[in-house]
Amino acid sequence: MNTEIEQYERIQEYLRGRMSDEDRAAFERDLATDDSLREQYEDLRLLARSINKANQEVDLRMALEESEKQLEESSMVVQ
């Protein structure tokens, strides 16, 4: 039986697409039959999606701030 840490690592590998075809197929079979694994998978999948979205928002905010800074600097040069 897998420990909780091993299950977490297995889910992470699946979500990252780092499993062999054989391991991926076995994991997907387990997802279909193991309610606990499926619940953990869904929780981690949603968490990963939320983190990715937050990171994208931060990246966008930083890019906008950098653009504003460059515009301010270029307008100072023009004056």
C-alpha atoms as a PDB file:
ATOM      1  CA  MET A   1       0.000   0.000   0.000  1.00  0.00           C
ATOM      2  CA  ASN A   2       1.262   3.472  -0.866  1.00  0.00           C
ATOM      3  CA  THR A   3       1.891   5.983   1.868  1.00  0.00           C
ATOM      4  CA  GLU A   4       0.232   9.358   1.617  1.00  0.00           C
ATOM      5  CA  ILE A   5       3.533  10.949   0.564  1.00  0.00           C
ATOM      6  CA  GLU A   6       4.000   8.344  -2.163  1.00  0.00           C
ATOM      7  CA  GLN A   7       0.454   8.987  -3.386  1.00  0.00           C
ATOM      8  CA  TYR A   8       1.111  12.723  -3.438  1.00  0.00           C
ATOM      9  CA  GLU A   9       4.340  12.220  -5.410  1.00  0.00           C
ATOM     10  CA  ARG A  10       2.583   9.890  -7.819  1.00  0.00           C
ATOM     11  CA  ILE A  11      -0.182  12.431  -8.416  1.00  0.00           C
ATOM     12  CA  GLN A  12       2.392  15.179  -8.949  1.00  0.00           C
ATOM     13  CA  GLU A  13       4.247  13.091 -11.510  1.00  0.00           C
ATOM     14  CA  TYR A  14       0.977  12.434 -13.323  1.00  0.00           C
ATOM     15  CA  LEU A  15      -0.042  16.095 -13.308  1.00  0.00           C
ATOM     16  CA  ARG A  16       3.390  17.109 -14.613  1.00  0.00           C
ATOM     17  CA  GLY A  17       3.228  14.515 -17.393  1.00  0.00           C
ATOM     18  CA  ARG A  18       6.377  12.788 -16.171  1.00  0.00           C
ATOM     19  CA  MET A  19       5.093   9.211 -16.094  1.00  0.00           C
ATOM     20  CA  SER A  20       5.923   6.498 -18.547  1.00  0.00           C
ATOM     21  CA  ASP A  21       3.009   5.263 -20.642  1.00  0.00           C
ATOM     22  CA  GLU A  22       2.812   2.149 -18.493  1.00  0.00           C
ATOM     23  CA  ASP A  23       2.818   4.084 -15.194  1.00  0.00           C
ATOM     24  CA  ARG A  24       0.279   6.569 -16.555  1.00  0.00           C
ATOM     25  CA  ALA A  25      -2.064   3.765 -17.597  1.00  0.00           C
ATOM     26  CA  ALA A  26      -1.729   2.115 -14.178  1.00  0.00           C
ATOM     27  CA  PHE A  27      -2.382   5.415 -12.437  1.00  0.00           C
ATOM     28  CA  GLU A  28      -5.476   6.050 -14.549  1.00  0.00           C
ATOM     29  CA  ARG A  29      -6.765   2.553 -13.720  1.00  0.00           C
ATOM     30  CA  ASP A  30      -6.240   3.327 -10.036  1.00  0.00           C
ATOM     31  CA  LEU A  31      -8.054   6.641 -10.426  1.00  0.00           C
ATOM     32  CA  ALA A  32     -11.028   4.806 -11.873  1.00  0.00           C
ATOM     33  CA  THR A  33     -11.284   2.421  -8.926  1.00  0.00           C
ATOM     34  CA  ASP A  34      -9.894   4.269  -5.882  1.00  0.00           C
ATOM     35  CA  ASP A  35     -12.207   6.982  -4.540  1.00  0.00           C
ATOM     36  CA  SER A  36      -9.608   8.264  -2.070  1.00  0.00           C
ATOM     37  CA  LEU A  37      -6.938   8.597  -4.765  1.00  0.00           C
ATOM     38  CA  ARG A  38      -9.414  10.299  -7.088  1.00  0.00           C
ATOM     39  CA  GLU A  39     -10.352  12.791  -4.359  1.00  0.00           C
ATOM     40  CA  GLN A  40      -6.699  13.576  -3.628  1.00  0.00           C
ATOM     41  CA  TYR A  41      -6.021  13.912  -7.356  1.00  0.00           C
ATOM     42  CA  GLU A  42      -8.910  16.348  -7.851  1.00  0.00           C
ATOM     43  CA  ASP A  43      -7.815  18.427  -4.853  1.00  0.00           C
ATOM     44  CA  LEU A  44      -4.232  18.651  -6.099  1.00  0.00           C
ATOM     45  CA  ARG A  45      -5.309  19.289  -9.682  1.00  0.00           C
ATOM     46  CA  LEU A  46      -7.484  22.214  -8.582  1.00  0.00           C
ATOM     47  CA  LEU A  47      -4.724  23.532  -6.313  1.00  0.00           C
ATOM     48  CA  ALA A  48      -2.182  23.351  -9.148  1.00  0.00           C
ATOM     49  CA  ARG A  49      -4.603  25.141 -11.473  1.00  0.00           C
ATOM     50  CA  SER A  50      -5.164  27.893  -8.886  1.00  0.00           C
ATOM     51  CA  ILE A  51      -1.432  28.326  -8.328  1.00  0.00           C
ATOM     52  CA  ASN A  52      -0.787  28.521 -12.068  1.00  0.00           C
ATOM     53  CA  LYS A  53      -3.506  31.135 -12.459  1.00  0.00           C
ATOM     54  CA  ALA A  54      -2.105  33.179  -9.563  1.00  0.00           C
ATOM     55  CA  ASN A  55       1.389  32.980 -11.051  1.00  0.00           C
ATOM     56  CA  GLN A  56       0.083  34.161 -14.408  1.00  0.00           C
ATOM     57  CA  GLU A  57      -1.617  37.110 -12.733  1.00  0.00           C
ATOM     58  CA  VAL A  58       1.597  38.024 -10.897  1.00  0.00           C
ATOM     59  CA  ASP A  59       3.594  37.734 -14.125  1.00  0.00           C
ATOM     60  CA  LEU A  60       1.110  39.965 -15.921  1.00  0.00           C
ATOM     61  CA  ARG A  61       1.149  42.513 -13.115  1.00  0.00           C
ATOM     62  CA  MET A  62       4.950  42.594 -13.137  1.00  0.00           C
ATOM     63  CA  ALA A  63       5.033  42.968 -16.927  1.00  0.00           C
ATOM     64  CA  LEU A  64       2.570  45.854 -16.745  1.00  0.00           C
ATOM     65  CA  GLU A  65       4.605  47.558 -14.029  1.00  0.00           C
ATOM     66  CA  GLU A  66       7.773  47.139 -16.107  1.00  0.00           C
ATOM     67  CA  SER A  67       6.016  48.569 -19.175  1.00  0.00           C
ATOM     68  CA  GLU A  68       4.806  51.566 -17.173  1.00  0.00           C
ATOM     69  CA  LYS A  69       8.314  52.122 -15.840  1.00  0.00           C
ATOM     70  CA  GLN A  70       9.780  51.993 -19.346  1.00  0.00           C
ATOM     71  CA  LEU A  71       7.153  54.425 -20.611  1.00  0.00           C
ATOM     72  CA  GLU A  72       7.927  56.827 -17.779  1.00  0.00           C
ATOM     73  CA  GLU A  73      11.666  56.576 -18.482  1.00  0.00           C
ATOM     74  CA  SER A  74      11.198  57.096 -22.221  1.00  0.00           C
ATOM     75  CA  SER A  75       8.938  60.095 -21.663  1.00  0.00           C
ATOM     76  CA  MET A  76      11.611  61.646 -19.430  1.00  0.00           C
ATOM     77  CA  VAL A  77      14.186  61.204 -22.183  1.00  0.00           C
ATOM     78  CA  VAL A  78      11.894  62.866 -24.743  1.00  0.00           C
ATOM     79  CA  GLN A  79      11.271  65.909 -22.551  1.00  0.00           C
END
